[in-house]
């Protein structure tokens, strides 16, 4: 995550690269803390406040796909099980 000010100031790419390196080091030190991949640290190219219908429909479709193919334990259980049944 970067703030709007960091994004508009051009700091987002450097911050995200730094976080990616930090997470890679942390994962190498304690691999048991991760059940899968770390976050996607790629910068976002476009951000819309009020997207056109075509872009909104595409985003909704992608959102549904990400929910059906989770990449970590929390997301895997978030949409199908109550909180009390999380056991990763």
Protein backbone atom coordinates (compact mmCIF):
# COMPACT_ATOMS: atom_id res chain seq x y z
CA UNK A 1 0.00 0.00 0.00
CA UNK A 2 1.16 3.52 -0.78
CA UNK A 3 -0.58 6.75 0.05
CA UNK A 4 -1.96 8.96 -2.72
CA UNK A 5 0.74 11.51 -1.89
CA UNK A 6 3.49 8.90 -2.29
CA UNK A 7 1.99 7.76 -5.58
CA UNK A 8 1.62 11.26 -7.00
CA UNK A 9 5.09 12.16 -5.76
CA UNK A 10 6.62 9.24 -7.67
CA UNK A 11 7.75 7.44 -4.51
CA UNK A 12 5.53 4.39 -4.99
CA UNK A 13 7.87 2.28 -7.13
CA UNK A 14 10.86 2.67 -4.79
CA UNK A 15 8.72 2.01 -1.70
CA UNK A 16 7.16 -1.12 -3.19
CA UNK A 17 10.56 -2.45 -4.30
CA UNK A 18 11.93 -1.87 -0.80
CA UNK A 19 8.98 -3.70 0.76
CA UNK A 20 9.36 -6.58 -1.66
CA UNK A 21 13.02 -7.03 -0.67
CA UNK A 22 12.08 -6.77 3.02
CA UNK A 23 9.42 -9.47 2.68
CA UNK A 24 11.77 -11.73 0.71
CA UNK A 25 14.35 -11.50 3.52
CA UNK A 26 11.70 -12.08 6.20
CA UNK A 27 10.31 -15.08 4.32
CA UNK A 28 13.81 -16.54 3.93
CA UNK A 29 14.43 -16.15 7.67
CA UNK A 30 11.06 -17.58 8.78
CA UNK A 31 9.49 -19.54 5.91
CA UNK A 32 6.96 -21.21 8.24
CA UNK A 33 5.16 -17.86 8.61
CA UNK A 34 3.98 -17.97 4.99
CA UNK A 35 1.60 -20.54 3.57
CA UNK A 36 2.14 -19.26 0.04
CA UNK A 37 3.44 -16.26 -1.83
CA UNK A 38 3.93 -12.83 -0.34
CA UNK A 39 1.95 -9.86 -1.59
CA UNK A 40 2.06 -8.61 -5.13
CA UNK A 41 4.35 -5.58 -4.81
CA UNK A 42 4.00 -4.37 -8.41
CA UNK A 43 2.98 -0.72 -8.71
CA UNK A 44 -0.53 -0.05 -9.99
CA UNK A 45 -0.53 1.86 -13.27
CA UNK A 46 -4.06 3.24 -13.23
CA UNK A 47 -6.41 4.20 -10.43
CA UNK A 48 -10.01 5.23 -11.10
CA UNK A 49 -12.42 6.99 -8.80
CA UNK A 50 -15.38 6.60 -11.15
CA UNK A 51 -14.41 4.07 -13.82
CA UNK A 52 -16.40 3.62 -17.03
CA UNK A 53 -18.76 0.64 -17.08
CA UNK A 54 -16.40 -1.49 -19.20
CA UNK A 55 -13.52 -1.09 -16.75
CA UNK A 56 -15.78 -1.63 -13.73
CA UNK A 57 -17.14 -4.87 -15.24
CA UNK A 58 -13.61 -6.12 -15.93
CA UNK A 59 -12.52 -5.29 -12.36
CA UNK A 60 -15.53 -7.11 -10.91
CA UNK A 61 -14.75 -10.17 -13.02
CA UNK A 62 -11.12 -10.15 -11.85
CA UNK A 63 -12.26 -9.73 -8.24
CA UNK A 64 -14.42 -12.84 -8.48
CA UNK A 65 -11.53 -14.79 -9.97
CA UNK A 66 -9.20 -13.81 -7.15
CA UNK A 67 -11.75 -14.96 -4.60
CA UNK A 68 -12.05 -18.37 -6.19
CA UNK A 69 -8.31 -18.91 -6.46
CA UNK A 70 -6.79 -17.62 -3.21
CA UNK A 71 -3.04 -17.57 -2.77
CA UNK A 72 -2.84 -17.64 1.02
CA UNK A 73 -4.53 -19.31 3.97
CA UNK A 74 -6.57 -16.34 5.14
CA UNK A 75 -8.01 -15.65 1.69
CA UNK A 76 -8.69 -19.35 1.19
CA UNK A 77 -10.94 -19.41 4.25
CA UNK A 78 -12.27 -15.85 4.20
CA UNK A 79 -15.09 -16.46 1.75
CA UNK A 80 -16.23 -19.93 2.68
CA UNK A 81 -15.76 -20.53 6.40
CA UNK A 82 -16.59 -18.70 9.63
CA UNK A 83 -13.63 -17.06 11.39
CA UNK A 84 -13.61 -19.67 14.16
CA UNK A 85 -12.71 -22.47 11.75
CA UNK A 86 -9.43 -20.97 10.52
CA UNK A 87 -6.70 -23.51 11.11
CA UNK A 88 -3.65 -22.97 8.93
